[in-house]
Structure formats: C-alpha cells, structure tokens
Amino acid sequence: MTKKKSPPGKNQRDRKAAKKIRDDGAEKSRHHVEPKKQAHVDEKGRKLTVVMGGETEMSFLWEQMKTTHALQSKSDSIANDVEILRASLADSQNAQVGVQEDFEKLEHEAEALQGLMRDAMFERQKAEVANRGIHVLDFFPLHAVSTCKMENDGIATGFENELADIEGKMKDLRLRLATDD
C-alpha cells in the first residue's frame, strides 16, 4: 500500500502553528505571576490565609471587600433612617392614618431590601446576586470590614434603584410628618 499524501505545505503549516502556540504559552508563563497562598496561625490560634502576588487577584479581592463594606454601611444607614422615622412618628400626635400605613409599607420594603443586601453579603441567594452582577466574598468577616475606613461614594452595589426608591419614600414621609405638625 502506498502512503496517502497530504496537500503540499500542510505538514509545515502544522509545525509552524504548533511552534507558535508553544512560544505564546512560554511567553505568557514568563510574564504571569501566580498568586501564592500561605496559611498562618497567629498568637491567638486564628488561622489566617495570606495571598501573595497576583496583582489582578488582589485588586479583585479589594473591589469585593469595598462592595461588602458599601453594602453593610448602606444597610446600616437604612436601619438608622427607619428608626429616626419611627421616633418622629411616635412623637407626632397629629399623624394621619395614611402616614402610619405608608410608614409600615416603607418599613416592610426596607426590611426586604436589607435582607437582600444581607444575602448578597453572605452569597445566600446566588441567583439574585448573580443577576445583579454582585461579586462579594463570603470569607470577609463583617466586623473586620466595618473597621476599615473606606469611601462608599463611587462603589456600585447593585441595589442603587431600590435604595433611591426607599430614600425617596423616606424623604416624602419626613415632609408629610413635618407638615402635619
């Protein structure tokens, strides 16, 4: 039997393509720094994971930590605003029944939003969190995140529309309470 011949130049093209792929891989591996993880136990027996190197990974972790901090601070501010409204509603003797009903609806919406934000922080509702494009790490302890001094102004949390809606309703209720007195 005779050997089947390939089209002219095919073998050479295949060798060149394979060499190019190998060279590209070698070039990428020279410039890529893999992050190294180390586990360390501190003096109190707590296990700490240290990530060294990998600038892109570290910037991604930093963004996730800032998002977690922003979610927590905005959730806390909603809770404080609801408490202030509750106190001013209790102080107001002339509050209309409609204002109290609106406050109860607002309080329920605020609790639901806080629940969604909490679930996003702990990644409980993966589908809801993924639909909003939120990437938050669940291994950041919230007490550690809350002690960090961060600016939350330019951080997108994925809850901007709901936050604006609740803040607008709170502002309307404050105005209605102020005009009732």
C-alpha atoms as a PDB file:
ATOM      1  CA  MET A   1       0.000   0.000   0.000  1.00  0.00           C
ATOM      2  CA  THR A   2       1.095   3.468  -0.683  1.00  0.00           C
ATOM      3  CA  LYS A   3       1.052   6.222   1.835  1.00  0.00           C
ATOM      4  CA  LYS A   4      -1.600   8.866   1.322  1.00  0.00           C
ATOM      5  CA  LYS A   5      -0.016  12.207   0.570  1.00  0.00           C
ATOM      6  CA  SER A   6      -1.113  15.376   2.278  1.00  0.00           C
ATOM      7  CA  PRO A   7      -1.528  18.623   0.371  1.00  0.00           C
ATOM      8  CA  PRO A   8       1.731  20.473  -0.257  1.00  0.00           C
ATOM      9  CA  GLY A   9       2.880  22.538   2.721  1.00  0.00           C
ATOM     10  CA  LYS A  10       0.322  21.141   5.188  1.00  0.00           C
ATOM     11  CA  ASN A  11       2.872  19.492   7.474  1.00  0.00           C
ATOM     12  CA  GLN A  12       4.988  22.626   7.538  1.00  0.00           C
ATOM     13  CA  ARG A  13       1.950  24.768   8.376  1.00  0.00           C
ATOM     14  CA  ASP A  14       1.006  22.392  11.192  1.00  0.00           C
ATOM     15  CA  ARG A  15       4.523  22.515  12.634  1.00  0.00           C
ATOM     16  CA  LYS A  16       4.595  26.327  12.431  1.00  0.00           C
ATOM     17  CA  ALA A  17       1.198  26.607  14.136  1.00  0.00           C
ATOM     18  CA  ALA A  18       2.262  24.243  16.927  1.00  0.00           C
ATOM     19  CA  LYS A  19       5.532  26.152  17.416  1.00  0.00           C
ATOM     20  CA  LYS A  20       3.648  29.455  17.590  1.00  0.00           C
ATOM     21  CA  ILE A  21       1.281  28.056  20.232  1.00  0.00           C
ATOM     22  CA  ARG A  22       4.215  26.749  22.292  1.00  0.00           C
ATOM     23  CA  ASP A  23       6.060  30.079  22.019  1.00  0.00           C
ATOM     24  CA  ASP A  24       2.965  32.069  23.019  1.00  0.00           C
ATOM     25  CA  GLY A  25       2.425  29.822  26.029  1.00  0.00           C
ATOM     26  CA  ALA A  26       6.043  30.185  27.114  1.00  0.00           C
ATOM     27  CA  GLU A  27       5.841  33.983  26.739  1.00  0.00           C
ATOM     28  CA  LYS A  28       2.663  34.183  28.803  1.00  0.00           C
ATOM     29  CA  SER A  29       4.078  31.966  31.530  1.00  0.00           C
ATOM     30  CA  ARG A  30       7.155  34.197  31.823  1.00  0.00           C
ATOM     31  CA  HIS A  31       5.022  37.296  32.448  1.00  0.00           C
ATOM     32  CA  HIS A  32       2.331  35.711  34.594  1.00  0.00           C
ATOM     33  CA  VAL A  33       2.907  35.692  38.320  1.00  0.00           C
ATOM     34  CA  GLU A  34       0.798  33.101  40.080  1.00  0.00           C
ATOM     35  CA  PRO A  35      -0.511  34.186  43.463  1.00  0.00           C
ATOM     36  CA  LYS A  36       0.800  32.105  46.301  1.00  0.00           C
ATOM     37  CA  LYS A  37      -1.358  31.292  49.299  1.00  0.00           C
ATOM     38  CA  GLN A  38       0.039  30.660  52.729  1.00  0.00           C
ATOM     39  CA  ALA A  39      -1.784  29.659  55.865  1.00  0.00           C
ATOM     40  CA  HIS A  40      -0.523  31.235  59.052  1.00  0.00           C
ATOM     41  CA  VAL A  41      -1.679  30.801  62.642  1.00  0.00           C
ATOM     42  CA  ASP A  42      -1.401  33.910  64.807  1.00  0.00           C
ATOM     43  CA  GLU A  43      -0.740  34.087  68.549  1.00  0.00           C
ATOM     44  CA  LYS A  44      -4.446  33.634  69.410  1.00  0.00           C
ATOM     45  CA  GLY A  45      -4.742  30.469  67.340  1.00  0.00           C
ATOM     46  CA  ARG A  46      -6.697  32.037  64.482  1.00  0.00           C
ATOM     47  CA  LYS A  47      -5.904  30.726  61.023  1.00  0.00           C
ATOM     48  CA  LEU A  48      -5.040  33.476  58.562  1.00  0.00           C
ATOM     49  CA  THR A  49      -4.756  32.976  54.821  1.00  0.00           C
ATOM     50  CA  VAL A  50      -2.225  35.231  53.161  1.00  0.00           C
ATOM     51  CA  VAL A  51      -2.322  35.751  49.399  1.00  0.00           C
ATOM     52  CA  MET A  52       0.975  36.936  47.954  1.00  0.00           C
ATOM     53  CA  GLY A  53       1.467  38.187  44.425  1.00  0.00           C
ATOM     54  CA  GLY A  54      -1.156  38.160  41.715  1.00  0.00           C
ATOM     55  CA  GLU A  55      -1.941  41.854  41.329  1.00  0.00           C
ATOM     56  CA  THR A  56      -5.148  41.270  39.384  1.00  0.00           C
ATOM     57  CA  GLU A  57      -6.399  38.829  42.009  1.00  0.00           C
ATOM     58  CA  MET A  58      -5.604  41.296  44.785  1.00  0.00           C
ATOM     59  CA  SER A  59      -7.405  44.144  43.027  1.00  0.00           C
ATOM     60  CA  PHE A  60     -10.419  41.853  42.538  1.00  0.00           C
ATOM     61  CA  LEU A  61     -10.367  40.972  46.254  1.00  0.00           C
ATOM     62  CA  TRP A  62     -10.102  44.664  47.141  1.00  0.00           C
ATOM     63  CA  GLU A  63     -13.117  45.509  44.952  1.00  0.00           C
ATOM     64  CA  GLN A  64     -15.118  42.734  46.574  1.00  0.00           C
ATOM     65  CA  MET A  65     -14.180  43.965  50.031  1.00  0.00           C
ATOM     66  CA  LYS A  66     -15.194  47.529  49.143  1.00  0.00           C
ATOM     67  CA  THR A  67     -18.529  46.263  47.789  1.00  0.00           C
ATOM     68  CA  THR A  68     -19.118  44.322  51.005  1.00  0.00           C
ATOM     69  CA  HIS A  69     -18.327  47.428  53.049  1.00  0.00           C
ATOM     70  CA  ALA A  70     -20.628  49.593  50.931  1.00  0.00           C
ATOM     71  CA  LEU A  71     -23.476  47.094  51.266  1.00  0.00           C
ATOM     72  CA  GLN A  72     -23.049  46.934  55.013  1.00  0.00           C
ATOM     73  CA  SER A  73     -22.876  50.698  55.517  1.00  0.00           C
ATOM     74  CA  LYS A  74     -25.901  51.338  53.279  1.00  0.00           C
ATOM     75  CA  SER A  75     -27.860  48.642  55.099  1.00  0.00           C
ATOM     76  CA  ASP A  76     -26.959  50.281  58.424  1.00  0.00           C
ATOM     77  CA  SER A  77     -27.987  53.724  57.139  1.00  0.00           C
ATOM     78  CA  ILE A  78     -31.388  52.357  56.050  1.00  0.00           C
ATOM     79  CA  ALA A  79     -31.909  50.889  59.531  1.00  0.00           C
ATOM     80  CA  ASN A  80     -30.957  54.208  61.173  1.00  0.00           C
ATOM     81  CA  ASP A  81     -33.286  56.197  58.902  1.00  0.00           C
ATOM     82  CA  VAL A  82     -36.195  53.860  59.668  1.00  0.00           C
ATOM     83  CA  GLU A  83     -35.556  54.233  63.410  1.00  0.00           C
ATOM     84  CA  ILE A  84     -35.464  58.037  63.103  1.00  0.00           C
ATOM     85  CA  LEU A  85     -38.749  57.991  61.177  1.00  0.00           C
ATOM     86  CA  ARG A  86     -40.299  55.670  63.764  1.00  0.00           C
ATOM     87  CA  ALA A  87     -39.262  58.031  66.583  1.00  0.00           C
ATOM     88  CA  SER A  88     -40.591  61.113  64.792  1.00  0.00           C
ATOM     89  CA  LEU A  89     -43.849  59.284  64.017  1.00  0.00           C
ATOM     90  CA  ALA A  90     -44.211  58.341  67.691  1.00  0.00           C
ATOM     91  CA  ASP A  91     -43.574  61.957  68.746  1.00  0.00           C
ATOM     92  CA  SER A  92     -46.108  63.328  66.279  1.00  0.00           C
ATOM     93  CA  GLN A  93     -49.570  63.357  67.817  1.00  0.00           C
ATOM     94  CA  ASN A  94     -51.298  64.661  64.717  1.00  0.00           C
ATOM     95  CA  ALA A  95     -50.024  61.936  62.382  1.00  0.00           C
ATOM     96  CA  GLN A  96     -52.634  60.834  59.910  1.00  0.00           C
ATOM     97  CA  VAL A  97     -53.608  57.197  59.493  1.00  0.00           C
ATOM     98  CA  GLY A  98     -52.290  57.258  55.911  1.00  0.00           C
ATOM     99  CA  VAL A  99     -48.854  58.333  57.103  1.00  0.00           C
ATOM    100  CA  GLN A 100     -48.699  55.416  59.529  1.00  0.00           C
ATOM    101  CA  GLU A 101     -49.782  52.963  56.825  1.00  0.00           C
ATOM    102  CA  ASP A 102     -47.178  54.365  54.434  1.00  0.00           C
ATOM    103  CA  PHE A 103     -44.555  54.056  57.162  1.00  0.00           C
ATOM    104  CA  GLU A 104     -45.455  50.397  57.738  1.00  0.00           C
ATOM    105  CA  LYS A 105     -45.177  49.702  53.989  1.00  0.00           C
ATOM    106  CA  LEU A 106     -41.849  51.536  53.864  1.00  0.00           C
ATOM    107  CA  GLU A 107     -40.592  49.631  56.885  1.00  0.00           C
ATOM    108  CA  HIS A 108     -41.526  46.323  55.235  1.00  0.00           C
ATOM    109  CA  GLU A 109     -39.783  47.328  51.963  1.00  0.00           C
ATOM    110  CA  ALA A 110     -36.686  48.447  53.885  1.00  0.00           C
ATOM    111  CA  GLU A 111     -36.530  45.139  55.759  1.00  0.00           C
ATOM    112  CA  ALA A 112     -36.869  43.220  52.484  1.00  0.00           C
ATOM    113  CA  LEU A 113     -34.079  45.277  50.882  1.00  0.00           C
ATOM    114  CA  GLN A 114     -31.862  44.791  53.922  1.00  0.00           C
ATOM    115  CA  GLY A 115     -32.492  41.054  53.684  1.00  0.00           C
ATOM    116  CA  LEU A 116     -31.454  41.050  50.020  1.00  0.00           C
ATOM    117  CA  MET A 117     -28.334  43.050  50.849  1.00  0.00           C
ATOM    118  CA  ARG A 118     -27.500  40.691  53.707  1.00  0.00           C
ATOM    119  CA  ASP A 119     -27.985  37.710  51.399  1.00  0.00           C
ATOM    120  CA  ALA A 120     -25.682  39.365  48.872  1.00  0.00           C
ATOM    121  CA  MET A 121     -23.038  39.845  51.545  1.00  0.00           C
ATOM    122  CA  PHE A 122     -23.170  36.191  52.508  1.00  0.00           C
ATOM    123  CA  GLU A 123     -23.985  34.884  48.993  1.00  0.00           C
ATOM    124  CA  ARG A 124     -27.105  33.045  50.151  1.00  0.00           C
ATOM    125  CA  GLN A 125     -29.241  33.843  47.140  1.00  0.00           C
ATOM    126  CA  LYS A 126     -26.805  33.038  44.367  1.00  0.00           C
ATOM    127  CA  ALA A 127     -29.285  33.611  41.516  1.00  0.00           C
ATOM    128  CA  GLU A 128     -30.419  37.031  42.783  1.00  0.00           C
ATOM    129  CA  VAL A 129     -26.837  38.087  43.457  1.00  0.00           C
ATOM    130  CA  ALA A 130     -25.650  36.893  40.049  1.00  0.00           C
ATOM    131  CA  ASN A 131     -28.494  38.709  38.266  1.00  0.00           C
ATOM    132  CA  ARG A 132     -27.386  41.949  39.894  1.00  0.00           C
ATOM    133  CA  GLY A 133     -23.746  41.351  38.962  1.00  0.00           C
ATOM    134  CA  ILE A 134     -22.576  41.476  42.556  1.00  0.00           C
ATOM    135  CA  HIS A 135     -19.419  39.640  43.492  1.00  0.00           C
ATOM    136  CA  VAL A 136     -18.931  39.649  47.229  1.00  0.00           C
ATOM    137  CA  LEU A 137     -16.702  37.294  49.106  1.00  0.00           C
ATOM    138  CA  ASP A 138     -18.238  35.440  51.988  1.00  0.00           C
ATOM    139  CA  PHE A 139     -14.953  34.973  53.836  1.00  0.00           C
ATOM    140  CA  PHE A 140     -14.564  38.632  54.784  1.00  0.00           C
ATOM    141  CA  PRO A 141     -15.742  38.820  58.382  1.00  0.00           C
ATOM    142  CA  LEU A 142     -18.107  41.766  58.606  1.00  0.00           C
ATOM    143  CA  HIS A 143     -16.571  43.084  61.819  1.00  0.00           C
ATOM    144  CA  ALA A 144     -13.225  43.332  60.023  1.00  0.00           C
ATOM    145  CA  VAL A 145     -14.799  45.052  57.027  1.00  0.00           C
ATOM    146  CA  SER A 146     -16.677  47.518  59.235  1.00  0.00           C
ATOM    147  CA  THR A 147     -13.479  48.633  60.962  1.00  0.00           C
ATOM    148  CA  CYS A 148     -11.909  49.644  57.641  1.00  0.00           C
ATOM    149  CA  LYS A 149     -12.139  53.292  56.666  1.00  0.00           C
ATOM    150  CA  MET A 150     -13.414  53.309  53.097  1.00  0.00           C
ATOM    151  CA  GLU A 151     -15.231  55.755  50.887  1.00  0.00           C
ATOM    152  CA  ASN A 152     -18.517  54.318  49.637  1.00  0.00           C
ATOM    153  CA  ASP A 153     -19.398  57.073  47.199  1.00  0.00           C
ATOM    154  CA  GLY A 154     -18.339  55.557  43.884  1.00  0.00           C
ATOM    155  CA  ILE A 155     -18.993  51.905  44.633  1.00  0.00           C
ATOM    156  CA  ALA A 156     -21.794  50.190  42.741  1.00  0.00           C
ATOM    157  CA  THR A 157     -23.658  47.752  44.955  1.00  0.00           C
ATOM    158  CA  GLY A 158     -26.318  46.587  42.508  1.00  0.00           C
ATOM    159  CA  PHE A 159     -29.077  47.956  44.742  1.00  0.00           C
ATOM    160  CA  GLU A 160     -28.976  51.585  43.604  1.00  0.00           C
ATOM    161  CA  ASN A 161     -32.533  51.661  42.211  1.00  0.00           C
ATOM    162  CA  GLU A 162     -34.060  50.143  45.339  1.00  0.00           C
ATOM    163  CA  LEU A 163     -32.002  52.399  47.605  1.00  0.00           C
ATOM    164  CA  ALA A 164     -33.078  55.507  45.683  1.00  0.00           C
ATOM    165  CA  ASP A 165     -36.717  54.387  45.834  1.00  0.00           C
ATOM    166  CA  ILE A 166     -36.646  53.842  49.608  1.00  0.00           C
ATOM    167  CA  GLU A 167     -34.735  57.076  50.238  1.00  0.00           C
ATOM    168  CA  GLY A 168     -37.317  58.987  48.180  1.00  0.00           C
ATOM    169  CA  LYS A 169     -40.172  57.443  50.153  1.00  0.00           C
ATOM    170  CA  MET A 170     -38.427  58.286  53.436  1.00  0.00           C
ATOM    171  CA  LYS A 171     -37.997  61.883  52.315  1.00  0.00           C
ATOM    172  CA  ASP A 172     -41.699  62.095  51.395  1.00  0.00           C
ATOM    173  CA  LEU A 173     -42.712  60.698  54.785  1.00  0.00           C
ATOM    174  CA  ARG A 174     -40.457  63.186  56.597  1.00  0.00           C
ATOM    175  CA  LEU A 175     -42.062  66.050  54.657  1.00  0.00           C
ATOM    176  CA  ARG A 176     -45.567  64.762  55.398  1.00  0.00           C
ATOM    177  CA  LEU A 177     -44.730  64.454  59.099  1.00  0.00           C
ATOM    178  CA  ALA A 178     -43.275  67.971  59.133  1.00  0.00           C
ATOM    179  CA  THR A 179     -46.406  69.438  57.515  1.00  0.00           C
ATOM    180  CA  ASP A 180     -48.725  67.554  59.905  1.00  0.00           C
ATOM    181  CA  ASP A 181     -47.191  69.232  62.956  1.00  0.00           C
END
